[in-house]
Amino acid sequence: MRALSVPYTKSQFLTVAEVARALRISNMTVYRLISSGQLPAVRVGKSYRLREEDVDRYLAERFTEAG
């Protein structure tokens, strides 16, 4: 997992389930995106948290690729 230069304290964090629900994909797909490095995430205990801006960036990059 890569280190991010933006302080985490100013970020809104989402759970895997929240991201999956928002993107209308399965939790497993979110885990695959994290594992492949396409979606950066922070490990908190046994679960992951994703910064809202990283999810937005992921969507914006995919939207322009498709368009």
C-alpha atoms as a PDB file:
ATOM      1  CA  MET A   1       0.000   0.000   0.000  1.00  0.00           C
ATOM      2  CA  ARG A   2       1.369   3.426  -0.866  1.00  0.00           C
ATOM      3  CA  ALA A   3       1.714   6.325   1.561  1.00  0.00           C
ATOM      4  CA  LEU A   4      -0.392   9.409   0.921  1.00  0.00           C
ATOM      5  CA  SER A   5       0.986  12.906   1.374  1.00  0.00           C
ATOM      6  CA  VAL A   6      -2.334  14.490   2.397  1.00  0.00           C
ATOM      7  CA  PRO A   7      -3.020  14.466   6.153  1.00  0.00           C
ATOM      8  CA  TYR A   8      -5.664  11.885   7.040  1.00  0.00           C
ATOM      9  CA  THR A   9      -7.187  14.051   9.750  1.00  0.00           C
ATOM     10  CA  LYS A  10      -8.775  16.413   7.208  1.00  0.00           C
ATOM     11  CA  SER A  11     -10.372  13.603   5.223  1.00  0.00           C
ATOM     12  CA  GLN A  12     -13.821  12.062   5.346  1.00  0.00           C
ATOM     13  CA  PHE A  13     -13.429   8.287   5.600  1.00  0.00           C
ATOM     14  CA  LEU A  14     -15.837   5.688   4.242  1.00  0.00           C
ATOM     15  CA  THR A  15     -16.171   2.003   5.003  1.00  0.00           C
ATOM     16  CA  VAL A  16     -15.934  -0.672   2.330  1.00  0.00           C
ATOM     17  CA  ALA A  17     -19.697  -1.214   2.623  1.00  0.00           C
ATOM     18  CA  GLU A  18     -20.408   2.510   2.164  1.00  0.00           C
ATOM     19  CA  VAL A  19     -18.222   2.670  -0.946  1.00  0.00           C
ATOM     20  CA  ALA A  20     -19.793  -0.493  -2.350  1.00  0.00           C
ATOM     21  CA  ARG A  21     -23.288   0.879  -1.773  1.00  0.00           C
ATOM     22  CA  ALA A  22     -22.422   4.252  -3.339  1.00  0.00           C
ATOM     23  CA  LEU A  23     -20.842   2.641  -6.425  1.00  0.00           C
ATOM     24  CA  ARG A  24     -23.488  -0.101  -6.587  1.00  0.00           C
ATOM     25  CA  ILE A  25     -20.866  -2.839  -6.565  1.00  0.00           C
ATOM     26  CA  SER A  26     -20.165  -5.666  -4.146  1.00  0.00           C
ATOM     27  CA  ASN A  27     -17.946  -5.399  -1.087  1.00  0.00           C
ATOM     28  CA  MET A  28     -15.653  -7.989  -2.692  1.00  0.00           C
ATOM     29  CA  THR A  29     -15.167  -5.737  -5.735  1.00  0.00           C
ATOM     30  CA  VAL A  30     -14.104  -2.887  -3.436  1.00  0.00           C
ATOM     31  CA  TYR A  31     -11.633  -5.250  -1.721  1.00  0.00           C
ATOM     32  CA  ARG A  32     -10.262  -6.235  -5.148  1.00  0.00           C
ATOM     33  CA  LEU A  33      -9.815  -2.570  -6.103  1.00  0.00           C
ATOM     34  CA  ILE A  34      -7.939  -1.989  -2.843  1.00  0.00           C
ATOM     35  CA  SER A  35      -5.789  -5.083  -3.331  1.00  0.00           C
ATOM     36  CA  SER A  36      -4.881  -4.117  -6.899  1.00  0.00           C
ATOM     37  CA  GLY A  37      -3.922  -0.598  -5.817  1.00  0.00           C
ATOM     38  CA  GLN A  38      -6.646   1.106  -7.838  1.00  0.00           C
ATOM     39  CA  LEU A  39      -8.291   2.453  -4.670  1.00  0.00           C
ATOM     40  CA  PRO A  40      -6.008   3.569  -1.830  1.00  0.00           C
ATOM     41  CA  ALA A  41      -7.182   2.555   1.628  1.00  0.00           C
ATOM     42  CA  VAL A  42      -6.072   2.715   5.238  1.00  0.00           C
ATOM     43  CA  ARG A  43      -6.191  -0.373   7.403  1.00  0.00           C
ATOM     44  CA  VAL A  44      -7.933   0.191  10.736  1.00  0.00           C
ATOM     45  CA  GLY A  45      -7.781  -2.948  12.826  1.00  0.00           C
ATOM     46  CA  LYS A  46      -9.180  -5.698  10.612  1.00  0.00           C
ATOM     47  CA  SER A  47     -11.099  -3.388   8.289  1.00  0.00           C
ATOM     48  CA  TYR A  48     -10.322  -0.738   5.688  1.00  0.00           C
ATOM     49  CA  ARG A  49     -11.270   2.909   5.416  1.00  0.00           C
ATOM     50  CA  LEU A  50     -11.220   4.840   2.157  1.00  0.00           C
ATOM     51  CA  ARG A  51     -10.930   8.584   1.786  1.00  0.00           C
ATOM     52  CA  GLU A  52     -13.918  10.117   0.072  1.00  0.00           C
ATOM     53  CA  GLU A  53     -11.681  12.149  -2.256  1.00  0.00           C
ATOM     54  CA  ASP A  54      -9.856   8.973  -3.369  1.00  0.00           C
ATOM     55  CA  VAL A  55     -13.178   7.384  -4.295  1.00  0.00           C
ATOM     56  CA  ASP A  56     -14.189  10.559  -6.147  1.00  0.00           C
ATOM     57  CA  ARG A  57     -10.839  10.595  -7.972  1.00  0.00           C
ATOM     58  CA  TYR A  58     -11.241   6.939  -8.943  1.00  0.00           C
ATOM     59  CA  LEU A  59     -14.682   7.654 -10.399  1.00  0.00           C
ATOM     60  CA  ALA A  60     -13.507  10.783 -12.234  1.00  0.00           C
ATOM     61  CA  GLU A  61     -10.620   8.898 -13.837  1.00  0.00           C
ATOM     62  CA  ARG A  62     -12.920   6.085 -14.977  1.00  0.00           C
ATOM     63  CA  PHE A  63     -15.546   8.498 -16.264  1.00  0.00           C
ATOM     64  CA  THR A  64     -13.063  10.296 -18.545  1.00  0.00           C
ATOM     65  CA  GLU A  65     -11.634   6.989 -19.787  1.00  0.00           C
ATOM     66  CA  ALA A  66     -15.095   5.815 -20.816  1.00  0.00           C
ATOM     67  CA  GLY A  67     -16.101   9.098 -22.418  1.00  0.00           C
END
